[in-house]
Amino acid sequence: MQGTNAISNPVRKVYYNITVTSLSVAVALAIGMIELLQVTFGLRILDLGKVGYLVFALFFATWAVSLVYWKARRVEERWTW
């Protein structure tokens, strides 16, 4: 019988990696765009210290939605052979 953690289950590992990598890319692009706008136009749009709280909330929300999707769509059952 397989374990229940992501390390022992390839489907969970891939799903986790896709979720975290996608979110990391989105956050990096958003912060990059904020910085680019600030440098290019001299605008002070957002304080990046406060953006950190938003990033944390986004990671938590994405993890929660990903978990609900995993359970509701039975991803593991559909991709395990």
PDB file of N, CA and C in Angstrom:
ATOM      1  N   MET A   1       0.848  -1.187   0.000  1.00  0.00           N
ATOM      2  CA  MET A   1       0.000   0.000   0.000  1.00  0.00           C
ATOM      3  C   MET A   1       0.887   1.241   0.000  1.00  0.00           C
ATOM      4  N   GLN A   2       0.547   2.200  -0.829  1.00  0.00           N
ATOM      5  CA  GLN A   2       1.336   3.421  -0.925  1.00  0.00           C
ATOM      6  C   GLN A   2       1.059   4.339   0.252  1.00  0.00           C
ATOM      7  N   GLY A   3       2.076   5.170   0.570  1.00  0.00           N
ATOM      8  CA  GLY A   3       1.919   6.168   1.626  1.00  0.00           C
ATOM      9  C   GLY A   3       1.016   7.295   1.183  1.00  0.00           C
ATOM     10  N   THR A   4       0.709   8.163   2.097  1.00  0.00           N
ATOM     11  CA  THR A   4      -0.224   9.246   1.795  1.00  0.00           C
ATOM     12  C   THR A   4       0.459  10.588   1.591  1.00  0.00           C
ATOM     13  N   ASN A   5       1.786  10.629   1.620  1.00  0.00           N
ATOM     14  CA  ASN A   5       2.442  11.916   1.425  1.00  0.00           C
ATOM     15  C   ASN A   5       2.874  12.099  -0.024  1.00  0.00           C
ATOM     16  N   ALA A   6       3.226  13.319  -0.368  1.00  0.00           N
ATOM     17  CA  ALA A   6       3.565  13.653  -1.744  1.00  0.00           C
ATOM     18  C   ALA A   6       4.868  13.004  -2.194  1.00  0.00           C
ATOM     19  N   ILE A   7       5.768  12.708  -1.285  1.00  0.00           N
ATOM     20  CA  ILE A   7       7.054  12.130  -1.662  1.00  0.00           C
ATOM     21  C   ILE A   7       6.884  10.703  -2.169  1.00  0.00           C
ATOM     22  N   SER A   8       6.001   9.945  -1.567  1.00  0.00           N
ATOM     23  CA  SER A   8       5.832   8.543  -1.953  1.00  0.00           C
ATOM     24  C   SER A   8       4.816   8.356  -3.077  1.00  0.00           C
ATOM     25  N   ASN A   9       4.116   9.407  -3.467  1.00  0.00           N
ATOM     26  CA  ASN A   9       3.089   9.291  -4.495  1.00  0.00           C
ATOM     27  C   ASN A   9       3.407  10.260  -5.636  1.00  0.00           C
ATOM     28  N   PRO A  10       3.789   9.738  -6.807  1.00  0.00           N
ATOM     29  CA  PRO A  10       4.169  10.614  -7.919  1.00  0.00           C
ATOM     30  C   PRO A  10       3.056  11.558  -8.377  1.00  0.00           C
ATOM     31  N   VAL A  11       1.806  11.116  -8.325  1.00  0.00           N
ATOM     32  CA  VAL A  11       0.701  11.974  -8.756  1.00  0.00           C
ATOM     33  C   VAL A  11       0.594  13.187  -7.836  1.00  0.00           C
ATOM     34  N   ARG A  12       0.695  12.966  -6.552  1.00  0.00           N
ATOM     35  CA  ARG A  12       0.641  14.082  -5.601  1.00  0.00           C
ATOM     36  C   ARG A  12       1.827  15.013  -5.776  1.00  0.00           C
ATOM     37  N   LYS A  13       2.986  14.443  -6.021  1.00  0.00           N
ATOM     38  CA  LYS A  13       4.195  15.251  -6.188  1.00  0.00           C
ATOM     39  C   LYS A  13       4.058  16.174  -7.408  1.00  0.00           C
ATOM     40  N   VAL A  14       3.602  15.636  -8.523  1.00  0.00           N
ATOM     41  CA  VAL A  14       3.435  16.442  -9.740  1.00  0.00           C
ATOM     42  C   VAL A  14       2.365  17.513  -9.532  1.00  0.00           C
ATOM     43  N   TYR A  15       1.251  17.140  -8.932  1.00  0.00           N
ATOM     44  CA  TYR A  15       0.165  18.094  -8.684  1.00  0.00           C
ATOM     45  C   TYR A  15       0.640  19.234  -7.785  1.00  0.00           C
ATOM     46  N   TYR A  16       1.358  18.886  -6.718  1.00  0.00           N
ATOM     47  CA  TYR A  16       1.889  19.900  -5.803  1.00  0.00           C
ATOM     48  C   TYR A  16       2.887  20.802  -6.525  1.00  0.00           C
ATOM     49  N   ASN A  17       3.786  20.212  -7.293  1.00  0.00           N
ATOM     50  CA  ASN A  17       4.795  21.000  -8.006  1.00  0.00           C
ATOM     51  C   ASN A  17       4.169  21.951  -9.023  1.00  0.00           C
ATOM     52  N   ILE A  18       3.166  21.487  -9.744  1.00  0.00           N
ATOM     53  CA  ILE A  18       2.491  22.352 -10.717  1.00  0.00           C
ATOM     54  C   ILE A  18       1.795  23.506 -10.011  1.00  0.00           C
ATOM     55  N   THR A  19       1.117  23.215  -8.914  1.00  0.00           N
ATOM     56  CA  THR A  19       0.401  24.252  -8.173  1.00  0.00           C
ATOM     57  C   THR A  19       1.353  25.305  -7.626  1.00  0.00           C
ATOM     58  N   VAL A  20       2.387  24.876  -6.941  1.00  0.00           N
ATOM     59  CA  VAL A  20       3.318  25.823  -6.313  1.00  0.00           C
ATOM     60  C   VAL A  20       4.124  26.588  -7.354  1.00  0.00           C
ATOM     61  N   THR A  21       4.558  25.923  -8.412  1.00  0.00           N
ATOM     62  CA  THR A  21       5.330  26.600  -9.456  1.00  0.00           C
ATOM     63  C   THR A  21       4.478  27.633 -10.183  1.00  0.00           C
ATOM     64  N   SER A  22       3.239  27.299 -10.492  1.00  0.00           N
ATOM     65  CA  SER A  22       2.354  28.253 -11.170  1.00  0.00           C
ATOM     66  C   SER A  22       2.120  29.492 -10.316  1.00  0.00           C
ATOM     67  N   LEU A  23       1.870  29.274  -9.036  1.00  0.00           N
ATOM     68  CA  LEU A  23       1.658  30.407  -8.139  1.00  0.00           C
ATOM     69  C   LEU A  23       2.927  31.243  -7.999  1.00  0.00           C
ATOM     70  N   SER A  24       4.070  30.609  -7.909  1.00  0.00           N
ATOM     71  CA  SER A  24       5.336  31.337  -7.789  1.00  0.00           C
ATOM     72  C   SER A  24       5.598  32.197  -9.016  1.00  0.00           C
ATOM     73  N   VAL A  25       5.314  31.669 -10.189  1.00  0.00           N
ATOM     74  CA  VAL A  25       5.486  32.435 -11.425  1.00  0.00           C
ATOM     75  C   VAL A  25       4.537  33.631 -11.440  1.00  0.00           C
ATOM     76  N   ALA A  26       3.293  33.418 -11.052  1.00  0.00           N
ATOM     77  CA  ALA A  26       2.314  34.507 -11.030  1.00  0.00           C
ATOM     78  C   ALA A  26       2.736  35.613 -10.060  1.00  0.00           C
ATOM     79  N   VAL A  27       3.209  35.235  -8.879  1.00  0.00           N
ATOM     80  CA  VAL A  27       3.647  36.226  -7.890  1.00  0.00           C
ATOM     81  C   VAL A  27       4.877  36.975  -8.399  1.00  0.00           C
ATOM     82  N   ALA A  28       5.825  36.247  -8.983  1.00  0.00           N
ATOM     83  CA  ALA A  28       7.033  36.890  -9.511  1.00  0.00           C
ATOM     84  C   ALA A  28       6.692  37.881 -10.623  1.00  0.00           C
ATOM     85  N   LEU A  29       5.791  37.519 -11.506  1.00  0.00           N
ATOM     86  CA  LEU A  29       5.376  38.434 -12.573  1.00  0.00           C
ATOM     87  C   LEU A  29       4.674  39.664 -12.020  1.00  0.00           C
ATOM     88  N   ALA A  30       3.813  39.470 -11.034  1.00  0.00           N
ATOM     89  CA  ALA A  30       3.093  40.601 -10.445  1.00  0.00           C
ATOM     90  C   ALA A  30       4.055  41.571  -9.759  1.00  0.00           C
ATOM     91  N   ILE A  31       4.987  41.048  -8.970  1.00  0.00           N
ATOM     92  CA  ILE A  31       5.946  41.919  -8.294  1.00  0.00           C
ATOM     93  C   ILE A  31       6.868  42.586  -9.306  1.00  0.00           C
ATOM     94  N   GLY A  32       7.260  41.845 -10.327  1.00  0.00           N
ATOM     95  CA  GLY A  32       8.081  42.429 -11.388  1.00  0.00           C
ATOM     96  C   GLY A  32       7.377  43.567 -12.102  1.00  0.00           C
ATOM     97  N   MET A  33       6.091  43.399 -12.368  1.00  0.00           N
ATOM     98  CA  MET A  33       5.326  44.466 -13.030  1.00  0.00           C
ATOM     99  C   MET A  33       5.196  45.694 -12.134  1.00  0.00           C
ATOM    100  N   ILE A  34       4.985  45.476 -10.847  1.00  0.00           N
ATOM    101  CA  ILE A  34       4.897  46.596  -9.904  1.00  0.00           C
ATOM    102  C   ILE A  34       6.212  47.358  -9.889  1.00  0.00           C
ATOM    103  N   GLU A  35       7.308  46.631  -9.810  1.00  0.00           N
ATOM    104  CA  GLU A  35       8.629  47.274  -9.803  1.00  0.00           C
ATOM    105  C   GLU A  35       8.895  48.001 -11.111  1.00  0.00           C
ATOM    106  N   LEU A  36       8.539  47.389 -12.221  1.00  0.00           N
ATOM    107  CA  LEU A  36       8.749  48.020 -13.525  1.00  0.00           C
ATOM    108  C   LEU A  36       7.962  49.313 -13.643  1.00  0.00           C
ATOM    109  N   LEU A  37       6.721  49.307 -13.208  1.00  0.00           N
ATOM    110  CA  LEU A  37       5.907  50.524 -13.251  1.00  0.00           C
ATOM    111  C   LEU A  37       6.473  51.610 -12.339  1.00  0.00           C
ATOM    112  N   GLN A  38       6.978  51.202 -11.190  1.00  0.00           N
ATOM    113  CA  GLN A  38       7.548  52.177 -10.260  1.00  0.00           C
ATOM    114  C   GLN A  38       8.819  52.795 -10.829  1.00  0.00           C
ATOM    115  N   VAL A  39       9.659  51.996 -11.449  1.00  0.00           N
ATOM    116  CA  VAL A  39      10.911  52.511 -12.007  1.00  0.00           C
ATOM    117  C   VAL A  39      10.646  53.333 -13.266  1.00  0.00           C
ATOM    118  N   THR A  40       9.778  52.844 -14.136  1.00  0.00           N
ATOM    119  CA  THR A  40       9.519  53.508 -15.409  1.00  0.00           C
ATOM    120  C   THR A  40       8.805  54.845 -15.237  1.00  0.00           C
ATOM    121  N   PHE A  41       7.776  54.868 -14.448  1.00  0.00           N
ATOM    122  CA  PHE A  41       6.963  56.074 -14.331  1.00  0.00           C
ATOM    123  C   PHE A  41       7.189  56.836 -13.035  1.00  0.00           C
ATOM    124  N   GLY A  42       8.044  56.351 -12.200  1.00  0.00           N
ATOM    125  CA  GLY A  42       8.311  57.019 -10.933  1.00  0.00           C
ATOM    126  C   GLY A  42       7.123  56.988  -9.989  1.00  0.00           C
ATOM    127  N   LEU A  43       6.244  56.041 -10.206  1.00  0.00           N
ATOM    128  CA  LEU A  43       5.052  55.920  -9.369  1.00  0.00           C
ATOM    129  C   LEU A  43       5.353  55.069  -8.150  1.00  0.00           C
ATOM    130  N   ARG A  44       4.724  55.417  -7.077  1.00  0.00           N
ATOM    131  CA  ARG A  44       4.817  54.593  -5.864  1.00  0.00           C
ATOM    132  C   ARG A  44       3.453  53.942  -5.693  1.00  0.00           C
ATOM    133  N   ILE A  45       3.256  52.807  -6.378  1.00  0.00           N
ATOM    134  CA  ILE A  45       1.950  52.169  -6.428  1.00  0.00           C
ATOM    135  C   ILE A  45       1.639  51.440  -5.122  1.00  0.00           C
ATOM    136  N   LEU A  46       2.521  50.554  -4.737  1.00  0.00           N
ATOM    137  CA  LEU A  46       2.300  49.746  -3.544  1.00  0.00           C
ATOM    138  C   LEU A  46       3.592  49.622  -2.753  1.00  0.00           C
ATOM    139  N   ASP A  47       3.443  49.518  -1.457  1.00  0.00           N
ATOM    140  CA  ASP A  47       4.574  49.220  -0.596  1.00  0.00           C
ATOM    141  C   ASP A  47       4.780  47.715  -0.628  1.00  0.00           C
ATOM    142  N   LEU A  48       5.958  47.278  -1.076  1.00  0.00           N
ATOM    143  CA  LEU A  48       6.186  45.846  -1.221  1.00  0.00           C
ATOM    144  C   LEU A  48       6.178  45.116   0.118  1.00  0.00           C
ATOM    145  N   GLY A  49       6.372  45.828   1.210  1.00  0.00           N
ATOM    146  CA  GLY A  49       6.246  45.209   2.524  1.00  0.00           C
ATOM    147  C   GLY A  49       4.823  44.750   2.776  1.00  0.00           C
ATOM    148  N   LYS A  50       3.869  45.548   2.319  1.00  0.00           N
ATOM    149  CA  LYS A  50       2.452  45.179   2.478  1.00  0.00           C
ATOM    150  C   LYS A  50       2.035  44.134   1.461  1.00  0.00           C
ATOM    151  N   VAL A  51       2.709  44.119   0.329  1.00  0.00           N
ATOM    152  CA  VAL A  51       2.402  43.112  -0.687  1.00  0.00           C
ATOM    153  C   VAL A  51       2.725  41.717  -0.152  1.00  0.00           C
ATOM    154  N   GLY A  52       3.680  41.618   0.754  1.00  0.00           N
ATOM    155  CA  GLY A  52       4.031  40.329   1.351  1.00  0.00           C
ATOM    156  C   GLY A  52       2.849  39.669   2.032  1.00  0.00           C
ATOM    157  N   TYR A  53       2.017  40.472   2.700  1.00  0.00           N
ATOM    158  CA  TYR A  53       0.815  39.914   3.323  1.00  0.00           C
ATOM    159  C   TYR A  53      -0.138  39.366   2.263  1.00  0.00           C
ATOM    160  N   LEU A  54      -0.252  40.077   1.164  1.00  0.00           N
ATOM    161  CA  LEU A  54      -1.097  39.622   0.063  1.00  0.00           C
ATOM    162  C   LEU A  54      -0.555  38.329  -0.538  1.00  0.00           C
ATOM    163  N   VAL A  55       0.759  38.249  -0.685  1.00  0.00           N
ATOM    164  CA  VAL A  55       1.377  37.039  -1.230  1.00  0.00           C
ATOM    165  C   VAL A  55       1.108  35.849  -0.310  1.00  0.00           C
ATOM    166  N   PHE A  56       1.253  36.055   0.992  1.00  0.00           N
ATOM    167  CA  PHE A  56       0.959  34.979   1.948  1.00  0.00           C
ATOM    168  C   PHE A  56      -0.490  34.534   1.819  1.00  0.00           C
ATOM    169  N   ALA A  57      -1.406  35.478   1.770  1.00  0.00           N
ATOM    170  CA  ALA A  57      -2.828  35.151   1.641  1.00  0.00           C
ATOM    171  C   ALA A  57      -3.101  34.415   0.331  1.00  0.00           C
ATOM    172  N   LEU A  58      -2.424  34.828  -0.729  1.00  0.00           N
ATOM    173  CA  LEU A  58      -2.591  34.186  -2.031  1.00  0.00           C
ATOM    174  C   LEU A  58      -2.082  32.751  -1.994  1.00  0.00           C
ATOM    175  N   PHE A  59      -0.926  32.517  -1.373  1.00  0.00           N
ATOM    176  CA  PHE A  59      -0.418  31.156  -1.241  1.00  0.00           C
ATOM    177  C   PHE A  59      -1.386  30.293  -0.430  1.00  0.00           C
ATOM    178  N   PHE A  60      -1.905  30.819   0.657  1.00  0.00           N
ATOM    179  CA  PHE A  60      -2.835  30.063   1.484  1.00  0.00           C
ATOM    180  C   PHE A  60      -4.119  29.758   0.716  1.00  0.00           C
ATOM    181  N   ALA A  61      -4.674  30.767   0.030  1.00  0.00           N
ATOM    182  CA  ALA A  61      -5.916  30.571  -0.726  1.00  0.00           C
ATOM    183  C   ALA A  61      -5.713  29.569  -1.861  1.00  0.00           C
ATOM    184  N   THR A  62      -4.583  29.664  -2.551  1.00  0.00           N
ATOM    185  CA  THR A  62      -4.302  28.733  -3.642  1.00  0.00           C
ATOM    186  C   THR A  62      -4.167  27.313  -3.121  1.00  0.00           C
ATOM    187  N   TRP A  63      -3.500  27.160  -1.984  1.00  0.00           N
ATOM    188  CA  TRP A  63      -3.359  25.840  -1.385  1.00  0.00           C
ATOM    189  C   TRP A  63      -4.735  25.275  -1.021  1.00  0.00           C
ATOM    190  N   ALA A  64      -5.587  26.106  -0.441  1.00  0.00           N
ATOM    191  CA  ALA A  64      -6.924  25.663  -0.045  1.00  0.00           C
ATOM    192  C   ALA A  64      -7.763  25.276  -1.258  1.00  0.00           C
ATOM    193  N   VAL A  65      -7.751  26.098  -2.302  1.00  0.00           N
ATOM    194  CA  VAL A  65      -8.513  25.797  -3.520  1.00  0.00           C
ATOM    195  C   VAL A  65      -7.967  24.534  -4.180  1.00  0.00           C
ATOM    196  N   SER A  66      -6.652  24.401  -4.194  1.00  0.00           N
ATOM    197  CA  SER A  66      -6.028  23.220  -4.777  1.00  0.00           C
ATOM    198  C   SER A  66      -6.435  21.956  -4.025  1.00  0.00           C
ATOM    199  N   LEU A  67      -6.504  22.035  -2.719  1.00  0.00           N
ATOM    200  CA  LEU A  67      -6.911  20.890  -1.906  1.00  0.00           C
ATOM    201  C   LEU A  67      -8.368  20.522  -2.168  1.00  0.00           C
ATOM    202  N   VAL A  68      -9.227  21.525  -2.240  1.00  0.00           N
ATOM    203  CA  VAL A  68     -10.645  21.264  -2.532  1.00  0.00           C
ATOM    204  C   VAL A  68     -10.798  20.642  -3.923  1.00  0.00           C
ATOM    205  N   TYR A  69     -10.063  21.166  -4.897  1.00  0.00           N
ATOM    206  CA  TYR A  69     -10.105  20.614  -6.256  1.00  0.00           C
ATOM    207  C   TYR A  69      -9.611  19.170  -6.254  1.00  0.00           C
ATOM    208  N   TRP A  70      -8.526  18.916  -5.536  1.00  0.00           N
ATOM    209  CA  TRP A  70      -7.951  17.567  -5.441  1.00  0.00           C
ATOM    210  C   TRP A  70      -8.988  16.575  -4.921  1.00  0.00           C
ATOM    211  N   LYS A  71      -9.703  16.976  -3.870  1.00  0.00           N
ATOM    212  CA  LYS A  71     -10.699  16.094  -3.259  1.00  0.00           C
ATOM    213  C   LYS A  71     -11.956  15.974  -4.119  1.00  0.00           C
ATOM    214  N   ALA A  72     -12.456  17.106  -4.615  1.00  0.00           N
ATOM    215  CA  ALA A  72     -13.726  17.109  -5.359  1.00  0.00           C
ATOM    216  C   ALA A  72     -13.602  16.397  -6.705  1.00  0.00           C
ATOM    217  N   ARG A  73     -12.492  16.611  -7.392  1.00  0.00           N
ATOM    218  CA  ARG A  73     -12.304  16.005  -8.711  1.00  0.00           C
ATOM    219  C   ARG A  73     -11.629  14.636  -8.651  1.00  0.00           C
ATOM    220  N   ARG A  74     -11.276  14.196  -7.446  1.00  0.00           N
ATOM    221  CA  ARG A  74     -10.639  12.886  -7.244  1.00  0.00           C
ATOM    222  C   ARG A  74      -9.452  12.695  -8.186  1.00  0.00           C
ATOM    223  N   VAL A  75      -8.564  13.638  -8.158  1.00  0.00           N
ATOM    224  CA  VAL A  75      -7.407  13.645  -9.062  1.00  0.00           C
ATOM    225  C   VAL A  75      -6.570  12.385  -8.883  1.00  0.00           C
ATOM    226  N   GLU A  76      -6.336  12.014  -7.659  1.00  0.00           N
ATOM    227  CA  GLU A  76      -5.487  10.855  -7.395  1.00  0.00           C
ATOM    228  C   GLU A  76      -6.080   9.583  -7.986  1.00  0.00           C
ATOM    229  N   GLU A  77      -7.387   9.410  -7.861  1.00  0.00           N
ATOM    230  CA  GLU A  77      -8.046   8.202  -8.401  1.00  0.00           C
ATOM    231  C   GLU A  77      -7.993   8.168  -9.913  1.00  0.00           C
ATOM    232  N   ARG A  78      -8.119   9.329 -10.542  1.00  0.00           N
ATOM    233  CA  ARG A  78      -8.136   9.362 -12.003  1.00  0.00           C
ATOM    234  C   ARG A  78      -6.753   9.150 -12.611  1.00  0.00           C
ATOM    235  N   TRP A  79      -5.701   9.528 -11.902  1.00  0.00           N
ATOM    236  CA  TRP A  79      -4.356   9.461 -12.486  1.00  0.00           C
ATOM    237  C   TRP A  79      -3.497   8.340 -11.932  1.00  0.00           C
ATOM    238  N   THR A  80      -3.983   7.566 -10.995  1.00  0.00           N
ATOM    239  CA  THR A  80      -3.221   6.444 -10.454  1.00  0.00           C
ATOM    240  C   THR A  80      -3.596   5.186 -11.214  1.00  0.00           C
ATOM    241  N   TRP A  81      -2.586   4.453 -11.652  1.00  0.00           N
ATOM    242  CA  TRP A  81      -2.855   3.212 -12.369  1.00  0.00           C
ATOM    243  C   TRP A  81      -2.130   2.083 -11.743  1.00  0.00           C
TER     244      TRP A  81
END
